[in-house]
Amino acid sequence: MRLTRALGFAVPALLAALVVTQFADGTRFVLDARLAGVAAAAVVAIAGRPLLLAVATAVATTALIRALT
């Protein structure tokens, strides 16, 4: 039960860290396939799904966008 509660707090923190580290390229803001992945993960996390599902969704979305472009 403690682990579940701790993971519940980890999801927003991990998403915030992803946004900060993935979209800042030095001094400019970068928009690419990673944005779609983080957005998809945010939707899954907001829906209250498990952290692992949010991460898998981000990976799959990013890979799909990169494969199509």
N, C-alpha and C. Protein backbone atom coordinates (compact mmCIF):
# COMPACT_ATOMS: atom_id res chain seq x y z
N MET A 1 0.83 -1.19 0.00
CA MET A 1 0.00 0.00 0.00
C MET A 1 0.88 1.26 0.00
N ARG A 2 1.96 1.25 0.74
CA ARG A 2 2.85 2.42 0.75
C ARG A 2 3.49 2.63 -0.61
N LEU A 3 3.85 1.52 -1.27
CA LEU A 3 4.45 1.61 -2.59
C LEU A 3 3.47 2.22 -3.59
N THR A 4 2.23 1.81 -3.53
CA THR A 4 1.21 2.36 -4.42
C THR A 4 1.04 3.85 -4.20
N ARG A 5 1.04 4.26 -2.96
CA ARG A 5 0.90 5.69 -2.65
C ARG A 5 2.12 6.47 -3.14
N ALA A 6 3.30 5.90 -2.93
CA ALA A 6 4.53 6.55 -3.37
C ALA A 6 4.57 6.68 -4.89
N LEU A 7 4.15 5.64 -5.60
CA LEU A 7 4.11 5.70 -7.06
C LEU A 7 3.09 6.73 -7.54
N GLY A 8 2.03 6.90 -6.80
CA GLY A 8 1.04 7.92 -7.14
C GLY A 8 1.63 9.32 -7.10
N PHE A 9 2.55 9.55 -6.18
CA PHE A 9 3.23 10.84 -6.12
C PHE A 9 4.34 10.95 -7.17
N ALA A 10 4.86 9.81 -7.60
CA ALA A 10 5.97 9.81 -8.55
C ALA A 10 5.53 10.20 -9.96
N VAL A 11 4.31 9.89 -10.34
CA VAL A 11 3.85 10.17 -11.70
C VAL A 11 3.93 11.65 -12.05
N PRO A 12 3.36 12.56 -11.26
CA PRO A 12 3.48 13.98 -11.61
C PRO A 12 4.92 14.48 -11.59
N ALA A 13 5.70 13.97 -10.65
CA ALA A 13 7.10 14.41 -10.58
C ALA A 13 7.88 13.95 -11.80
N LEU A 14 7.66 12.73 -12.24
CA LEU A 14 8.35 12.23 -13.43
C LEU A 14 7.93 12.97 -14.69
N LEU A 15 6.64 13.28 -14.80
CA LEU A 15 6.18 14.03 -15.97
C LEU A 15 6.78 15.44 -15.98
N ALA A 16 6.86 16.06 -14.83
CA ALA A 16 7.47 17.39 -14.76
C ALA A 16 8.94 17.33 -15.14
N ALA A 17 9.64 16.30 -14.69
CA ALA A 17 11.05 16.15 -15.04
C ALA A 17 11.22 15.91 -16.53
N LEU A 18 10.33 15.13 -17.12
CA LEU A 18 10.40 14.91 -18.56
C LEU A 18 10.21 16.20 -19.34
N VAL A 19 9.26 16.98 -18.95
CA VAL A 19 9.01 18.24 -19.65
C VAL A 19 10.22 19.15 -19.58
N VAL A 20 10.79 19.28 -18.42
CA VAL A 20 11.93 20.17 -18.23
C VAL A 20 13.15 19.69 -19.00
N THR A 21 13.45 18.40 -18.93
CA THR A 21 14.67 17.90 -19.55
C THR A 21 14.56 17.62 -21.03
N GLN A 22 13.38 17.26 -21.50
CA GLN A 22 13.25 16.85 -22.89
C GLN A 22 12.99 17.98 -23.86
N PHE A 23 12.44 19.07 -23.41
CA PHE A 23 12.05 20.11 -24.35
C PHE A 23 12.94 21.33 -24.31
N ALA A 24 13.89 21.33 -23.44
CA ALA A 24 14.84 22.44 -23.39
C ALA A 24 16.14 21.99 -24.03
N ASP A 25 16.52 22.65 -25.11
CA ASP A 25 17.75 22.32 -25.81
C ASP A 25 18.69 23.51 -25.67
N GLY A 26 19.40 23.55 -24.57
CA GLY A 26 20.26 24.70 -24.33
C GLY A 26 19.42 25.90 -23.91
N THR A 27 19.30 26.87 -24.81
CA THR A 27 18.57 28.09 -24.47
C THR A 27 17.25 28.22 -25.22
N ARG A 28 16.91 27.22 -26.03
CA ARG A 28 15.67 27.32 -26.79
C ARG A 28 14.74 26.16 -26.47
N PHE A 29 13.48 26.34 -26.81
CA PHE A 29 12.44 25.35 -26.56
C PHE A 29 12.25 24.53 -27.83
N VAL A 30 12.27 23.20 -27.72
CA VAL A 30 12.22 22.32 -28.89
C VAL A 30 10.91 21.53 -28.88
N LEU A 31 10.23 21.53 -30.02
CA LEU A 31 9.01 20.74 -30.17
C LEU A 31 9.28 19.65 -31.20
N ASP A 32 9.13 18.39 -30.80
CA ASP A 32 9.34 17.28 -31.72
C ASP A 32 8.50 16.09 -31.27
N ALA A 33 8.87 14.90 -31.68
CA ALA A 33 8.09 13.69 -31.36
C ALA A 33 8.01 13.45 -29.86
N ARG A 34 8.99 13.93 -29.13
CA ARG A 34 8.97 13.73 -27.67
C ARG A 34 7.77 14.42 -27.03
N LEU A 35 7.37 15.56 -27.59
CA LEU A 35 6.21 16.27 -27.05
C LEU A 35 4.96 15.40 -27.13
N ALA A 36 4.77 14.72 -28.26
CA ALA A 36 3.62 13.83 -28.41
C ALA A 36 3.68 12.70 -27.39
N GLY A 37 4.87 12.17 -27.14
CA GLY A 37 5.02 11.11 -26.16
C GLY A 37 4.69 11.55 -24.75
N VAL A 38 5.17 12.71 -24.38
CA VAL A 38 4.88 13.22 -23.03
C VAL A 38 3.40 13.58 -22.90
N ALA A 39 2.82 14.13 -23.95
CA ALA A 39 1.39 14.45 -23.92
C ALA A 39 0.55 13.18 -23.76
N ALA A 40 0.92 12.13 -24.48
CA ALA A 40 0.20 10.86 -24.35
C ALA A 40 0.35 10.29 -22.94
N ALA A 41 1.55 10.37 -22.39
CA ALA A 41 1.77 9.89 -21.02
C ALA A 41 0.97 10.71 -20.02
N ALA A 42 0.87 12.00 -20.25
CA ALA A 42 0.10 12.86 -19.34
C ALA A 42 -1.37 12.47 -19.35
N VAL A 43 -1.90 12.18 -20.53
CA VAL A 43 -3.30 11.76 -20.62
C VAL A 43 -3.53 10.47 -19.85
N VAL A 44 -2.62 9.53 -20.01
CA VAL A 44 -2.74 8.24 -19.30
C VAL A 44 -2.62 8.47 -17.79
N ALA A 45 -1.69 9.30 -17.37
CA ALA A 45 -1.49 9.56 -15.94
C ALA A 45 -2.69 10.28 -15.34
N ILE A 46 -3.22 11.25 -16.06
CA ILE A 46 -4.39 11.99 -15.56
C ILE A 46 -5.60 11.07 -15.44
N ALA A 47 -5.66 10.08 -16.32
CA ALA A 47 -6.76 9.11 -16.26
C ALA A 47 -6.62 8.15 -15.08
N GLY A 48 -5.47 8.24 -14.38
CA GLY A 48 -5.29 7.43 -13.19
C GLY A 48 -4.78 6.02 -13.47
N ARG A 49 -4.20 5.83 -14.62
CA ARG A 49 -3.65 4.53 -14.99
C ARG A 49 -2.27 4.35 -14.36
N PRO A 50 -1.75 3.13 -14.34
CA PRO A 50 -0.44 2.87 -13.72
C PRO A 50 0.71 3.60 -14.41
N LEU A 51 1.75 3.85 -13.64
CA LEU A 51 2.93 4.55 -14.13
C LEU A 51 3.57 3.81 -15.30
N LEU A 52 3.65 2.50 -15.20
CA LEU A 52 4.26 1.71 -16.27
C LEU A 52 3.50 1.86 -17.58
N LEU A 53 2.19 1.95 -17.52
CA LEU A 53 1.38 2.15 -18.72
C LEU A 53 1.64 3.54 -19.30
N ALA A 54 1.80 4.54 -18.45
CA ALA A 54 2.10 5.89 -18.94
C ALA A 54 3.45 5.93 -19.65
N VAL A 55 4.45 5.26 -19.10
CA VAL A 55 5.77 5.22 -19.71
C VAL A 55 5.72 4.46 -21.03
N ALA A 56 5.05 3.32 -21.05
CA ALA A 56 4.94 2.53 -22.28
C ALA A 56 4.20 3.31 -23.36
N THR A 57 3.19 4.05 -22.99
CA THR A 57 2.45 4.87 -23.94
C THR A 57 3.34 5.96 -24.52
N ALA A 58 4.14 6.59 -23.67
CA ALA A 58 5.06 7.62 -24.15
C ALA A 58 6.06 7.05 -25.13
N VAL A 59 6.62 5.91 -24.81
CA VAL A 59 7.61 5.28 -25.69
C VAL A 59 6.98 4.92 -27.03
N ALA A 60 5.82 4.29 -27.00
CA ALA A 60 5.17 3.86 -28.23
C ALA A 60 4.75 5.05 -29.09
N THR A 61 4.22 6.09 -28.48
CA THR A 61 3.81 7.28 -29.22
C THR A 61 5.00 7.95 -29.87
N THR A 62 6.07 8.12 -29.12
CA THR A 62 7.27 8.76 -29.67
C THR A 62 7.84 7.95 -30.82
N ALA A 63 7.89 6.63 -30.66
CA ALA A 63 8.43 5.77 -31.72
C ALA A 63 7.55 5.83 -32.97
N LEU A 64 6.25 5.86 -32.79
CA LEU A 64 5.34 5.93 -33.93
C LEU A 64 5.51 7.24 -34.70
N ILE A 65 5.57 8.35 -33.97
CA ILE A 65 5.74 9.66 -34.63
C ILE A 65 7.08 9.71 -35.37
N ARG A 66 8.13 9.20 -34.76
CA ARG A 66 9.44 9.19 -35.43
C ARG A 66 9.44 8.29 -36.65
N ALA A 67 8.71 7.18 -36.60
CA ALA A 67 8.66 6.28 -37.75
C ALA A 67 7.88 6.89 -38.91
N LEU A 68 6.90 7.71 -38.59
CA LEU A 68 6.08 8.33 -39.64
C LEU A 68 6.71 9.56 -40.24
N THR A 69 7.67 10.16 -39.57
CA THR A 69 8.29 11.38 -40.10
C THR A 69 9.69 11.14 -40.58
